[in-house]
Amino acid sequence: MPPIERIVLVDDNDLDNSFHTIILKKAGFAGELAVLESGVQLVDVMRRETQPVPTLLFIDINMPVLNGFETIKKLVELSLLNGEIQTYILSSSDAASDMQMARSVPQIKGFLVKPLNVEDVRRLLAA
């Protein structure tokens, strides 16, 4: 896979988004960073996208209107998740049921428990 050019954080918690932005920069990511507060925003952004770029997508589970799993399901239904997008759940939940749900969705590459750390980001960027 080509190097990651963009990271998208989808979380309704501003504090988490601010912290994770700092971690991404500390990990050395210098590409485009998009911070969205809802799954609805993500679906809208991806509908408008004309040229896919190698993207690392981190999405929270618990958000209003569309939770993370519902958002991913919607993106799959609309054929908006392509091979350029590596999707990871990034949640404060460490519930086995949430992890199992993530494993059952082929478009989800992994499950990370908040907060992100520099080592995990570097590992994902290098993959």
N, C-alpha and C. Protein backbone atom coordinates (compact mmCIF):
# COMPACT_ATOMS: atom_id res chain seq x y z
N MET A 1 0.84 -1.19 0.00
CA MET A 1 0.00 0.00 0.00
C MET A 1 0.89 1.25 0.00
N PRO A 2 0.49 2.29 -0.76
CA PRO A 2 1.26 3.53 -0.77
C PRO A 2 1.25 4.20 0.60
N PRO A 3 2.18 5.10 0.85
CA PRO A 3 2.21 5.79 2.14
C PRO A 3 0.90 6.55 2.42
N ILE A 4 0.55 6.62 3.68
CA ILE A 4 -0.67 7.33 4.10
C ILE A 4 -0.49 8.82 3.83
N GLU A 5 -1.45 9.40 3.12
CA GLU A 5 -1.42 10.82 2.81
C GLU A 5 -2.37 11.62 3.69
N ARG A 6 -3.37 10.91 4.24
CA ARG A 6 -4.38 11.61 5.02
C ARG A 6 -4.80 10.75 6.21
N ILE A 7 -5.06 11.41 7.33
CA ILE A 7 -5.66 10.75 8.48
C ILE A 7 -6.96 11.47 8.78
N VAL A 8 -8.02 10.68 9.01
CA VAL A 8 -9.32 11.22 9.37
C VAL A 8 -9.68 10.71 10.76
N LEU A 9 -9.93 11.64 11.67
CA LEU A 9 -10.41 11.33 13.02
C LEU A 9 -11.89 11.64 13.06
N VAL A 10 -12.70 10.67 13.48
CA VAL A 10 -14.14 10.89 13.61
C VAL A 10 -14.53 10.59 15.05
N ASP A 11 -14.84 11.65 15.78
CA ASP A 11 -15.17 11.50 17.20
C ASP A 11 -15.93 12.75 17.63
N ASP A 12 -16.97 12.58 18.41
CA ASP A 12 -17.75 13.73 18.87
C ASP A 12 -17.15 14.38 20.12
N ASN A 13 -16.00 13.90 20.58
CA ASN A 13 -15.36 14.44 21.77
C ASN A 13 -14.20 15.35 21.35
N ASP A 14 -14.38 16.66 21.52
CA ASP A 14 -13.36 17.63 21.11
C ASP A 14 -12.02 17.42 21.83
N LEU A 15 -12.08 17.08 23.10
CA LEU A 15 -10.84 16.87 23.87
C LEU A 15 -10.05 15.69 23.30
N ASP A 16 -10.73 14.59 23.00
CA ASP A 16 -10.06 13.43 22.39
C ASP A 16 -9.46 13.82 21.04
N ASN A 17 -10.21 14.57 20.22
CA ASN A 17 -9.71 14.98 18.92
C ASN A 17 -8.46 15.84 19.05
N SER A 18 -8.46 16.77 20.01
CA SER A 18 -7.30 17.63 20.22
C SER A 18 -6.09 16.81 20.66
N PHE A 19 -6.29 15.91 21.61
CA PHE A 19 -5.19 15.07 22.09
C PHE A 19 -4.65 14.19 20.97
N HIS A 20 -5.55 13.56 20.22
CA HIS A 20 -5.10 12.66 19.16
C HIS A 20 -4.39 13.42 18.03
N THR A 21 -4.80 14.65 17.78
CA THR A 21 -4.09 15.48 16.80
C THR A 21 -2.64 15.70 17.23
N ILE A 22 -2.44 15.97 18.50
CA ILE A 22 -1.07 16.15 19.04
C ILE A 22 -0.27 14.86 18.88
N ILE A 23 -0.87 13.73 19.22
CA ILE A 23 -0.18 12.44 19.11
C ILE A 23 0.20 12.15 17.66
N LEU A 24 -0.69 12.43 16.73
CA LEU A 24 -0.39 12.19 15.31
C LEU A 24 0.80 13.02 14.85
N LYS A 25 0.86 14.26 15.29
CA LYS A 25 2.00 15.12 14.93
C LYS A 25 3.28 14.64 15.59
N LYS A 26 3.20 14.23 16.86
CA LYS A 26 4.38 13.70 17.56
C LYS A 26 4.89 12.43 16.90
N ALA A 27 3.99 11.67 16.31
CA ALA A 27 4.37 10.43 15.63
C ALA A 27 5.02 10.72 14.27
N GLY A 28 5.00 11.99 13.87
CA GLY A 28 5.66 12.36 12.64
C GLY A 28 4.76 12.48 11.43
N PHE A 29 3.46 12.39 11.62
CA PHE A 29 2.56 12.50 10.47
C PHE A 29 2.49 13.96 10.03
N ALA A 30 2.79 14.19 8.76
CA ALA A 30 2.81 15.56 8.23
C ALA A 30 1.83 15.75 7.08
N GLY A 31 0.99 14.75 6.82
CA GLY A 31 0.02 14.85 5.72
C GLY A 31 -1.23 15.58 6.14
N GLU A 32 -2.26 15.42 5.34
CA GLU A 32 -3.55 16.05 5.60
C GLU A 32 -4.21 15.39 6.81
N LEU A 33 -4.77 16.22 7.68
CA LEU A 33 -5.49 15.72 8.84
C LEU A 33 -6.89 16.32 8.83
N ALA A 34 -7.90 15.46 8.82
CA ALA A 34 -9.29 15.90 8.88
C ALA A 34 -9.88 15.44 10.20
N VAL A 35 -10.51 16.35 10.91
CA VAL A 35 -11.16 16.03 12.17
C VAL A 35 -12.66 16.29 12.00
N LEU A 36 -13.44 15.24 12.15
CA LEU A 36 -14.89 15.33 12.00
C LEU A 36 -15.56 14.92 13.30
N GLU A 37 -16.73 15.47 13.55
CA GLU A 37 -17.40 15.23 14.82
C GLU A 37 -18.54 14.24 14.74
N SER A 38 -18.80 13.68 13.55
CA SER A 38 -19.91 12.72 13.46
C SER A 38 -19.75 11.82 12.25
N GLY A 39 -20.42 10.69 12.33
CA GLY A 39 -20.47 9.79 11.20
C GLY A 39 -21.19 10.40 10.02
N VAL A 40 -22.18 11.23 10.30
CA VAL A 40 -22.92 11.91 9.23
C VAL A 40 -21.97 12.81 8.44
N GLN A 41 -21.10 13.55 9.14
CA GLN A 41 -20.11 14.39 8.46
C GLN A 41 -19.19 13.54 7.59
N LEU A 42 -18.75 12.41 8.11
CA LEU A 42 -17.85 11.53 7.35
C LEU A 42 -18.52 11.05 6.07
N VAL A 43 -19.75 10.61 6.16
CA VAL A 43 -20.47 10.14 4.98
C VAL A 43 -20.58 11.28 3.96
N ASP A 44 -20.91 12.48 4.41
CA ASP A 44 -21.03 13.63 3.51
C ASP A 44 -19.70 13.94 2.82
N VAL A 45 -18.61 13.95 3.59
CA VAL A 45 -17.29 14.23 3.04
C VAL A 45 -16.91 13.17 2.01
N MET A 46 -17.14 11.93 2.33
CA MET A 46 -16.73 10.85 1.43
C MET A 46 -17.60 10.80 0.17
N ARG A 47 -18.84 11.23 0.26
CA ARG A 47 -19.71 11.31 -0.93
C ARG A 47 -19.17 12.33 -1.92
N ARG A 48 -18.59 13.41 -1.41
CA ARG A 48 -18.08 14.48 -2.27
C ARG A 48 -16.68 14.20 -2.81
N GLU A 49 -16.01 13.23 -2.23
CA GLU A 49 -14.63 12.95 -2.64
C GLU A 49 -14.59 12.37 -4.05
N THR A 50 -13.74 12.95 -4.87
CA THR A 50 -13.64 12.49 -6.26
C THR A 50 -12.40 11.66 -6.52
N GLN A 51 -11.35 11.93 -5.77
CA GLN A 51 -10.08 11.22 -5.98
C GLN A 51 -9.67 10.56 -4.66
N PRO A 52 -9.74 9.24 -4.56
CA PRO A 52 -9.34 8.58 -3.31
C PRO A 52 -7.83 8.74 -3.05
N VAL A 53 -7.49 8.96 -1.80
CA VAL A 53 -6.08 9.03 -1.40
C VAL A 53 -5.85 8.03 -0.28
N PRO A 54 -4.61 7.53 -0.16
CA PRO A 54 -4.32 6.60 0.94
C PRO A 54 -4.64 7.26 2.29
N THR A 55 -5.58 6.65 2.99
CA THR A 55 -6.15 7.26 4.20
C THR A 55 -6.16 6.28 5.35
N LEU A 56 -5.85 6.81 6.53
CA LEU A 56 -6.00 6.08 7.78
C LEU A 56 -7.20 6.71 8.48
N LEU A 57 -8.25 5.92 8.68
CA LEU A 57 -9.49 6.41 9.28
C LEU A 57 -9.64 5.84 10.68
N PHE A 58 -9.74 6.74 11.67
CA PHE A 58 -10.01 6.34 13.05
C PHE A 58 -11.42 6.81 13.38
N ILE A 59 -12.28 5.89 13.81
CA ILE A 59 -13.67 6.25 14.10
C ILE A 59 -14.10 5.72 15.46
N ASP A 60 -14.71 6.59 16.23
CA ASP A 60 -15.24 6.23 17.54
C ASP A 60 -16.53 5.42 17.37
N ILE A 61 -16.88 4.66 18.38
CA ILE A 61 -18.13 3.89 18.32
C ILE A 61 -19.31 4.75 18.74
N ASN A 62 -19.22 5.32 19.94
CA ASN A 62 -20.38 5.99 20.53
C ASN A 62 -20.47 7.44 20.11
N MET A 63 -21.32 7.67 19.09
CA MET A 63 -21.58 9.02 18.60
C MET A 63 -23.07 9.13 18.33
N PRO A 64 -23.62 10.35 18.42
CA PRO A 64 -25.05 10.51 18.14
C PRO A 64 -25.37 10.33 16.66
N VAL A 65 -26.60 10.07 16.36
CA VAL A 65 -27.20 9.85 15.04
C VAL A 65 -26.70 8.55 14.43
N LEU A 66 -25.44 8.50 13.97
CA LEU A 66 -24.85 7.27 13.46
C LEU A 66 -23.66 6.91 14.34
N ASN A 67 -23.69 5.75 14.98
CA ASN A 67 -22.50 5.34 15.74
C ASN A 67 -21.44 4.86 14.75
N GLY A 68 -20.28 4.53 15.24
CA GLY A 68 -19.18 4.13 14.35
C GLY A 68 -19.52 2.94 13.48
N PHE A 69 -20.14 1.92 14.04
CA PHE A 69 -20.50 0.73 13.25
C PHE A 69 -21.56 1.06 12.20
N GLU A 70 -22.55 1.87 12.58
CA GLU A 70 -23.58 2.27 11.63
C GLU A 70 -22.98 3.10 10.49
N THR A 71 -22.03 3.96 10.84
CA THR A 71 -21.36 4.79 9.83
C THR A 71 -20.61 3.91 8.83
N ILE A 72 -19.87 2.95 9.33
CA ILE A 72 -19.12 2.06 8.44
C ILE A 72 -20.08 1.28 7.56
N LYS A 73 -21.18 0.80 8.14
CA LYS A 73 -22.18 0.07 7.36
C LYS A 73 -22.73 0.95 6.23
N LYS A 74 -23.00 2.21 6.55
CA LYS A 74 -23.51 3.15 5.54
C LYS A 74 -22.48 3.37 4.44
N LEU A 75 -21.21 3.53 4.81
CA LEU A 75 -20.15 3.73 3.82
C LEU A 75 -20.02 2.51 2.91
N VAL A 76 -20.15 1.33 3.49
CA VAL A 76 -20.09 0.10 2.69
C VAL A 76 -21.27 0.04 1.73
N GLU A 77 -22.48 0.33 2.24
CA GLU A 77 -23.68 0.31 1.39
C GLU A 77 -23.54 1.26 0.20
N LEU A 78 -22.88 2.40 0.43
CA LEU A 78 -22.70 3.40 -0.63
C LEU A 78 -21.44 3.18 -1.46
N SER A 79 -20.74 2.08 -1.17
CA SER A 79 -19.48 1.75 -1.86
C SER A 79 -18.45 2.87 -1.74
N LEU A 80 -18.36 3.46 -0.56
CA LEU A 80 -17.43 4.56 -0.34
C LEU A 80 -16.16 4.15 0.37
N LEU A 81 -16.10 2.92 0.87
CA LEU A 81 -14.87 2.43 1.49
C LEU A 81 -14.11 1.66 0.42
N ASN A 82 -12.98 2.18 0.03
CA ASN A 82 -12.20 1.53 -1.02
C ASN A 82 -10.87 1.04 -0.45
N GLY A 83 -10.07 0.44 -1.28
CA GLY A 83 -8.79 -0.12 -0.85
C GLY A 83 -7.79 0.90 -0.37
N GLU A 84 -8.05 2.17 -0.63
CA GLU A 84 -7.15 3.24 -0.19
C GLU A 84 -7.37 3.62 1.28
N ILE A 85 -8.45 3.12 1.88
CA ILE A 85 -8.83 3.54 3.23
C ILE A 85 -8.65 2.39 4.21
N GLN A 86 -7.80 2.61 5.19
CA GLN A 86 -7.61 1.65 6.28
C GLN A 86 -8.42 2.15 7.47
N THR A 87 -9.41 1.38 7.87
CA THR A 87 -10.34 1.80 8.91
C THR A 87 -10.06 1.10 10.23
N TYR A 88 -9.98 1.90 11.30
CA TYR A 88 -9.77 1.39 12.65
C TYR A 88 -10.80 2.00 13.59
N ILE A 89 -11.36 1.15 14.44
CA ILE A 89 -12.19 1.66 15.53
C ILE A 89 -11.23 2.22 16.57
N LEU A 90 -11.53 3.42 17.07
CA LEU A 90 -10.77 4.05 18.14
C LEU A 90 -11.78 4.45 19.20
N SER A 91 -11.84 3.67 20.28
CA SER A 91 -12.92 3.82 21.25
C SER A 91 -12.40 3.74 22.67
N SER A 92 -13.15 4.33 23.57
CA SER A 92 -12.83 4.18 25.00
C SER A 92 -13.35 2.84 25.51
N SER A 93 -14.15 2.17 24.72
CA SER A 93 -14.70 0.86 25.10
C SER A 93 -13.64 -0.23 24.92
N ASP A 94 -13.57 -1.09 25.91
CA ASP A 94 -12.74 -2.29 25.75
C ASP A 94 -13.62 -3.54 25.91
N ALA A 95 -14.90 -3.35 25.62
CA ALA A 95 -15.87 -4.45 25.74
C ALA A 95 -15.61 -5.51 24.69
N ALA A 96 -15.63 -6.74 25.11
CA ALA A 96 -15.41 -7.86 24.19
C ALA A 96 -16.44 -7.85 23.06
N SER A 97 -17.67 -7.46 23.36
CA SER A 97 -18.71 -7.43 22.32
C SER A 97 -18.39 -6.41 21.22
N ASP A 98 -17.83 -5.26 21.61
CA ASP A 98 -17.44 -4.25 20.61
C ASP A 98 -16.28 -4.75 19.76
N MET A 99 -15.32 -5.39 20.40
CA MET A 99 -14.17 -5.93 19.67
C MET A 99 -14.61 -7.04 18.71
N GLN A 100 -15.53 -7.88 19.16
CA GLN A 100 -16.06 -8.95 18.30
C GLN A 100 -16.81 -8.36 17.11
N MET A 101 -17.61 -7.33 17.36
CA MET A 101 -18.33 -6.67 16.28
C MET A 101 -17.34 -6.11 15.25
N ALA A 102 -16.27 -5.49 15.72
CA ALA A 102 -15.26 -4.95 14.81
C ALA A 102 -14.62 -6.05 13.97
N ARG A 103 -14.32 -7.18 14.60
CA ARG A 103 -13.72 -8.30 13.88
C ARG A 103 -14.66 -8.88 12.82
N SER A 104 -15.96 -8.70 13.02
CA SER A 104 -16.94 -9.28 12.09
C SER A 104 -17.14 -8.42 10.84
N VAL A 105 -16.57 -7.23 10.81
CA VAL A 105 -16.74 -6.33 9.67
C VAL A 105 -15.43 -6.32 8.87
N PRO A 106 -15.43 -6.89 7.68
CA PRO A 106 -14.18 -7.02 6.91
C PRO A 106 -13.49 -5.70 6.62
N GLN A 107 -14.23 -4.62 6.55
CA GLN A 107 -13.63 -3.32 6.23
C GLN A 107 -12.90 -2.69 7.42
N ILE A 108 -13.07 -3.25 8.61
CA ILE A 108 -12.38 -2.73 9.80
C ILE A 108 -11.10 -3.53 10.00
N LYS A 109 -9.96 -2.82 9.94
CA LYS A 109 -8.65 -3.47 10.04
C LYS A 109 -8.26 -3.78 11.49
N GLY A 110 -8.79 -3.00 12.44
CA GLY A 110 -8.40 -3.23 13.82
C GLY A 110 -9.20 -2.39 14.80
N PHE A 111 -8.94 -2.63 16.07
CA PHE A 111 -9.66 -1.99 17.17
C PHE A 111 -8.61 -1.45 18.14
N LEU A 112 -8.64 -0.16 18.38
CA LEU A 112 -7.71 0.47 19.32
C LEU A 112 -8.50 1.10 20.45
N VAL A 113 -7.99 0.95 21.67
CA VAL A 113 -8.62 1.57 22.82
C VAL A 113 -7.93 2.90 23.06
N LYS A 114 -8.76 3.95 23.23
CA LYS A 114 -8.24 5.29 23.49
C LYS A 114 -7.40 5.28 24.76
N PRO A 115 -6.43 6.13 24.83
CA PRO A 115 -6.00 7.10 23.83
C PRO A 115 -5.01 6.48 22.85
N LEU A 116 -4.93 7.08 21.67
CA LEU A 116 -3.88 6.71 20.71
C LEU A 116 -2.54 6.99 21.35
N ASN A 117 -1.54 6.22 20.95
CA ASN A 117 -0.19 6.54 21.41
C ASN A 117 0.74 6.61 20.20
N VAL A 118 1.87 7.25 20.39
CA VAL A 118 2.81 7.49 19.30
C VAL A 118 3.26 6.19 18.65
N GLU A 119 3.54 5.16 19.44
CA GLU A 119 4.04 3.89 18.91
C GLU A 119 3.00 3.24 17.99
N ASP A 120 1.73 3.23 18.40
CA ASP A 120 0.68 2.65 17.56
C ASP A 120 0.56 3.40 16.24
N VAL A 121 0.60 4.72 16.30
CA VAL A 121 0.49 5.53 15.08
C VAL A 121 1.66 5.23 14.15
N ARG A 122 2.86 5.20 14.69
CA ARG A 122 4.03 4.91 13.84
C ARG A 122 3.94 3.52 13.21
N ARG A 123 3.46 2.56 13.98
CA ARG A 123 3.30 1.19 13.45
C ARG A 123 2.28 1.18 12.32
N LEU A 124 1.17 1.86 12.47
CA LEU A 124 0.14 1.88 11.44
C LEU A 124 0.61 2.64 10.20
N LEU A 125 1.36 3.71 10.39
CA LEU A 125 1.87 4.46 9.25
C LEU A 125 2.90 3.68 8.48
N ALA A 126 3.63 2.80 9.16
CA ALA A 126 4.69 2.02 8.52
C ALA A 126 4.14 0.78 7.82
N ALA A 127 2.93 0.36 8.17
CA ALA A 127 2.36 -0.89 7.62
C ALA A 127 2.04 -0.78 6.14
